[in-house]
């Protein structure tokens, strides 16, 4: 494919645009059609979404209210020696 054929295809494409028309109403309809695809759609939230938010807020509140927990974990190997010792910060 040569560059000349690509340029001629581009020229034909630009000539077919509905935005070139002299009719302002037709041009406005074309612009509104393009803007409708870009405009964000309103989101509909269902009961499951509401329940998810309630559960997240409940878990967050529980973590804030309950006292902190410290975990010390010792893992011993088959020969009785310590394999892993993990101290998690408070």
N, C-alpha and C. Protein backbone atom coordinates (compact mmCIF):
# COMPACT_ATOMS: atom_id res chain seq x y z
N UNK A 1 0.85 -1.17 0.00
CA UNK A 1 0.00 0.00 0.00
C UNK A 1 0.89 1.23 0.00
N UNK A 2 0.61 2.16 -0.87
CA UNK A 2 1.44 3.35 -0.96
C UNK A 2 0.90 4.45 -0.06
N UNK A 3 1.75 5.47 0.17
CA UNK A 3 1.33 6.60 0.99
C UNK A 3 0.23 7.40 0.32
N UNK A 4 0.23 7.42 -0.99
CA UNK A 4 -0.77 8.21 -1.73
C UNK A 4 -2.17 7.64 -1.49
N UNK A 5 -2.32 6.34 -1.50
CA UNK A 5 -3.65 5.77 -1.29
C UNK A 5 -4.12 6.02 0.15
N UNK A 6 -3.20 6.00 1.11
CA UNK A 6 -3.59 6.29 2.49
C UNK A 6 -4.06 7.73 2.63
N UNK A 7 -3.38 8.64 1.95
CA UNK A 7 -3.78 10.04 2.01
C UNK A 7 -5.13 10.27 1.34
N UNK A 8 -5.37 9.57 0.24
CA UNK A 8 -6.66 9.75 -0.43
C UNK A 8 -7.79 9.15 0.41
N UNK A 9 -7.54 8.04 1.12
CA UNK A 9 -8.56 7.49 2.02
C UNK A 9 -8.85 8.46 3.15
N UNK A 10 -7.82 9.10 3.68
CA UNK A 10 -8.02 10.08 4.74
C UNK A 10 -8.82 11.28 4.23
N UNK A 11 -8.55 11.73 3.02
CA UNK A 11 -9.29 12.85 2.45
C UNK A 11 -10.76 12.48 2.26
N UNK A 12 -11.03 11.26 1.83
CA UNK A 12 -12.42 10.83 1.69
C UNK A 12 -13.11 10.75 3.05
N UNK A 13 -12.40 10.29 4.06
CA UNK A 13 -12.97 10.18 5.40
C UNK A 13 -13.34 11.56 5.94
N UNK A 14 -12.46 12.54 5.80
CA UNK A 14 -12.72 13.89 6.29
C UNK A 14 -13.90 14.49 5.54
N UNK A 15 -14.03 14.21 4.27
CA UNK A 15 -15.14 14.75 3.50
C UNK A 15 -16.48 14.15 3.88
N UNK A 16 -16.49 13.01 4.53
CA UNK A 16 -17.74 12.35 4.90
C UNK A 16 -18.21 12.73 6.30
N UNK A 17 -17.48 13.55 7.01
CA UNK A 17 -17.84 13.90 8.38
C UNK A 17 -19.15 14.68 8.41
N UNK A 18 -20.01 14.36 9.38
CA UNK A 18 -21.27 15.08 9.52
C UNK A 18 -21.07 16.45 10.17
N UNK A 19 -19.86 16.72 10.65
CA UNK A 19 -19.59 18.02 11.26
C UNK A 19 -19.33 19.10 10.22
N UNK A 20 -19.12 18.71 8.96
CA UNK A 20 -18.83 19.68 7.90
C UNK A 20 -20.10 20.32 7.36
N UNK A 21 -21.24 19.75 7.61
CA UNK A 21 -22.48 20.23 7.03
C UNK A 21 -22.75 21.70 7.38
N UNK A 22 -23.46 22.40 6.49
CA UNK A 22 -23.79 23.80 6.71
C UNK A 22 -24.98 23.96 7.65
N UNK A 23 -25.79 22.91 7.81
CA UNK A 23 -26.97 22.97 8.65
C UNK A 23 -26.56 22.94 10.12
N UNK A 24 -26.82 24.02 10.87
CA UNK A 24 -26.39 24.04 12.28
C UNK A 24 -27.11 22.98 13.13
N UNK A 25 -28.35 22.65 12.81
CA UNK A 25 -29.07 21.64 13.59
C UNK A 25 -28.44 20.26 13.39
N UNK A 26 -28.06 19.93 12.16
CA UNK A 26 -27.43 18.64 11.89
C UNK A 26 -26.06 18.57 12.55
N UNK A 27 -25.32 19.68 12.52
CA UNK A 27 -24.00 19.71 13.17
C UNK A 27 -24.16 19.53 14.67
N UNK A 28 -25.18 20.17 15.27
CA UNK A 28 -25.40 20.05 16.70
C UNK A 28 -25.79 18.62 17.07
N UNK A 29 -26.62 17.96 16.23
CA UNK A 29 -26.97 16.57 16.50
C UNK A 29 -25.74 15.67 16.46
N UNK A 30 -24.83 15.92 15.51
CA UNK A 30 -23.60 15.12 15.43
C UNK A 30 -22.73 15.34 16.67
N UNK A 31 -22.62 16.60 17.10
CA UNK A 31 -21.82 16.89 18.30
C UNK A 31 -22.45 16.27 19.54
N UNK A 32 -23.79 16.33 19.65
CA UNK A 32 -24.47 15.72 20.80
C UNK A 32 -24.28 14.21 20.81
N UNK A 33 -24.27 13.59 19.64
CA UNK A 33 -24.06 12.15 19.56
C UNK A 33 -22.67 11.75 20.03
N UNK A 34 -21.67 12.56 19.64
CA UNK A 34 -20.30 12.27 20.11
C UNK A 34 -20.17 12.52 21.60
N UNK A 35 -20.79 13.58 22.11
CA UNK A 35 -20.68 13.91 23.54
C UNK A 35 -21.41 12.88 24.39
N UNK A 36 -22.47 12.27 23.86
CA UNK A 36 -23.23 11.28 24.64
C UNK A 36 -22.37 10.06 24.93
N UNK A 37 -21.46 9.71 24.04
CA UNK A 37 -20.58 8.57 24.28
C UNK A 37 -19.52 8.86 25.33
N UNK A 38 -19.18 10.11 25.52
CA UNK A 38 -18.13 10.50 26.47
C UNK A 38 -18.71 10.78 27.85
N UNK A 39 -19.96 11.21 27.90
CA UNK A 39 -20.61 11.59 29.16
C UNK A 39 -20.70 10.39 30.09
N UNK A 40 -20.37 10.55 31.38
CA UNK A 40 -20.46 9.41 32.32
C UNK A 40 -21.92 9.01 32.52
N UNK A 41 -22.13 7.74 32.62
CA UNK A 41 -23.48 7.20 32.81
C UNK A 41 -23.79 7.18 34.31
N UNK A 42 -25.04 7.46 34.69
CA UNK A 42 -25.38 7.39 36.13
C UNK A 42 -25.33 5.94 36.60
N UNK A 43 -24.74 5.76 37.77
CA UNK A 43 -24.61 4.42 38.33
C UNK A 43 -25.82 4.09 39.18
N UNK A 44 -26.32 2.89 39.04
CA UNK A 44 -27.42 2.43 39.87
C UNK A 44 -26.85 1.48 40.91
N UNK A 45 -27.11 1.79 42.17
CA UNK A 45 -26.61 0.95 43.25
C UNK A 45 -27.73 0.05 43.73
N UNK A 46 -27.41 -1.21 43.88
CA UNK A 46 -28.40 -2.17 44.33
C UNK A 46 -28.26 -2.46 45.81
N UNK A 47 -29.08 -3.37 46.27
CA UNK A 47 -29.07 -3.77 47.68
C UNK A 47 -27.74 -4.42 48.04
N UNK A 48 -27.17 -5.19 47.12
CA UNK A 48 -25.89 -5.85 47.39
C UNK A 48 -24.78 -4.82 47.60
N UNK A 49 -24.80 -3.73 46.82
CA UNK A 49 -23.79 -2.69 47.00
C UNK A 49 -23.94 -2.02 48.37
N UNK A 50 -25.19 -1.75 48.76
CA UNK A 50 -25.44 -1.14 50.06
C UNK A 50 -24.98 -2.07 51.19
N UNK A 51 -25.27 -3.35 51.07
CA UNK A 51 -24.86 -4.32 52.07
C UNK A 51 -23.33 -4.39 52.16
N UNK A 52 -22.65 -4.34 51.03
CA UNK A 52 -21.19 -4.35 51.04
C UNK A 52 -20.62 -3.15 51.77
N UNK A 53 -21.20 -1.97 51.55
CA UNK A 53 -20.73 -0.76 52.24
C UNK A 53 -20.95 -0.87 53.74
N UNK A 54 -22.11 -1.39 54.13
CA UNK A 54 -22.41 -1.56 55.56
C UNK A 54 -21.43 -2.52 56.20
N UNK A 55 -21.11 -3.62 55.53
CA UNK A 55 -20.17 -4.59 56.10
C UNK A 55 -18.77 -4.00 56.22
N UNK A 56 -18.34 -3.24 55.23
CA UNK A 56 -17.01 -2.62 55.30
C UNK A 56 -16.94 -1.63 56.45
N UNK A 57 -17.96 -0.78 56.58
CA UNK A 57 -17.97 0.18 57.68
C UNK A 57 -18.04 -0.51 59.03
N UNK A 58 -18.78 -1.60 59.12
CA UNK A 58 -18.88 -2.34 60.37
C UNK A 58 -17.53 -2.94 60.75
N UNK A 59 -16.84 -3.54 59.79
CA UNK A 59 -15.53 -4.13 60.06
C UNK A 59 -14.53 -3.06 60.46
N UNK A 60 -14.58 -1.92 59.79
CA UNK A 60 -13.65 -0.83 60.11
C UNK A 60 -13.92 -0.32 61.53
N UNK A 61 -15.18 -0.15 61.88
CA UNK A 61 -15.54 0.31 63.23
C UNK A 61 -15.08 -0.69 64.27
N UNK A 62 -15.26 -1.99 64.01
CA UNK A 62 -14.83 -3.03 64.96
C UNK A 62 -13.32 -2.97 65.16
N UNK A 63 -12.56 -2.75 64.09
CA UNK A 63 -11.11 -2.70 64.23
C UNK A 63 -10.67 -1.49 65.05
N UNK A 64 -11.39 -0.40 64.93
CA UNK A 64 -11.02 0.81 65.67
C UNK A 64 -11.38 0.66 67.15
N UNK A 65 -12.52 0.05 67.44
CA UNK A 65 -13.03 -0.02 68.81
C UNK A 65 -12.35 -1.12 69.62
N UNK A 66 -12.14 -2.27 69.05
CA UNK A 66 -11.60 -3.40 69.80
C UNK A 66 -10.13 -3.17 70.15
N UNK A 67 -9.68 -3.75 71.27
CA UNK A 67 -8.26 -3.58 71.64
C UNK A 67 -7.34 -4.30 70.66
N UNK A 68 -6.14 -3.80 70.57
CA UNK A 68 -5.14 -4.39 69.68
C UNK A 68 -4.73 -5.77 70.18
N UNK A 69 -4.37 -6.63 69.27
CA UNK A 69 -3.98 -8.00 69.60
C UNK A 69 -2.54 -8.20 69.17
N UNK A 70 -1.74 -8.81 70.05
CA UNK A 70 -0.35 -9.14 69.72
C UNK A 70 -0.26 -10.65 69.54
N UNK A 71 0.46 -11.08 68.52
CA UNK A 71 0.58 -12.51 68.23
C UNK A 71 2.07 -12.86 68.22
N UNK A 72 2.43 -13.82 69.06
CA UNK A 72 3.78 -14.39 69.05
C UNK A 72 3.64 -15.80 68.52
N UNK A 73 4.39 -16.13 67.48
CA UNK A 73 4.26 -17.42 66.84
C UNK A 73 5.62 -18.12 66.86
N UNK A 74 5.67 -19.29 67.46
CA UNK A 74 6.87 -20.12 67.45
C UNK A 74 6.58 -21.39 66.65
N UNK A 75 7.48 -21.71 65.75
CA UNK A 75 7.34 -22.94 64.95
C UNK A 75 8.58 -23.79 65.20
N UNK A 76 8.37 -25.05 65.59
CA UNK A 76 9.48 -25.94 65.90
C UNK A 76 9.56 -27.01 64.83
N UNK A 77 10.78 -27.36 64.49
CA UNK A 77 11.02 -28.41 63.51
C UNK A 77 10.88 -29.79 64.12
N UNK A 78 11.01 -30.83 63.31
CA UNK A 78 10.85 -32.22 63.80
C UNK A 78 11.90 -32.60 64.85
N UNK A 79 13.07 -31.96 64.82
CA UNK A 79 14.12 -32.31 65.79
C UNK A 79 13.99 -31.52 67.09
N UNK A 80 12.95 -30.70 67.22
CA UNK A 80 12.73 -29.95 68.46
C UNK A 80 13.33 -28.57 68.46
N UNK A 81 14.08 -28.21 67.43
CA UNK A 81 14.67 -26.87 67.36
C UNK A 81 13.68 -25.86 66.80
N UNK A 82 13.92 -24.62 67.15
CA UNK A 82 13.03 -23.57 66.67
C UNK A 82 13.28 -23.35 65.18
N UNK A 83 12.23 -23.42 64.41
CA UNK A 83 12.32 -23.22 62.95
C UNK A 83 12.06 -21.75 62.61
N UNK A 84 11.02 -21.19 63.17
CA UNK A 84 10.64 -19.80 62.87
C UNK A 84 10.11 -19.17 64.13
N UNK A 85 10.50 -17.93 64.38
CA UNK A 85 9.90 -17.16 65.45
C UNK A 85 9.47 -15.83 64.84
N UNK A 86 8.20 -15.53 64.98
CA UNK A 86 7.65 -14.33 64.37
C UNK A 86 6.98 -13.50 65.46
N UNK A 87 7.40 -12.26 65.61
CA UNK A 87 6.78 -11.33 66.55
C UNK A 87 6.16 -10.21 65.72
N UNK A 88 4.86 -10.13 65.77
CA UNK A 88 4.15 -9.09 65.03
C UNK A 88 4.00 -7.87 65.93
N UNK A 89 4.27 -6.67 65.42
CA UNK A 89 4.18 -5.48 66.25
C UNK A 89 2.75 -5.20 66.70
N UNK A 90 2.67 -4.54 67.82
CA UNK A 90 1.34 -4.18 68.35
C UNK A 90 0.81 -2.97 67.65
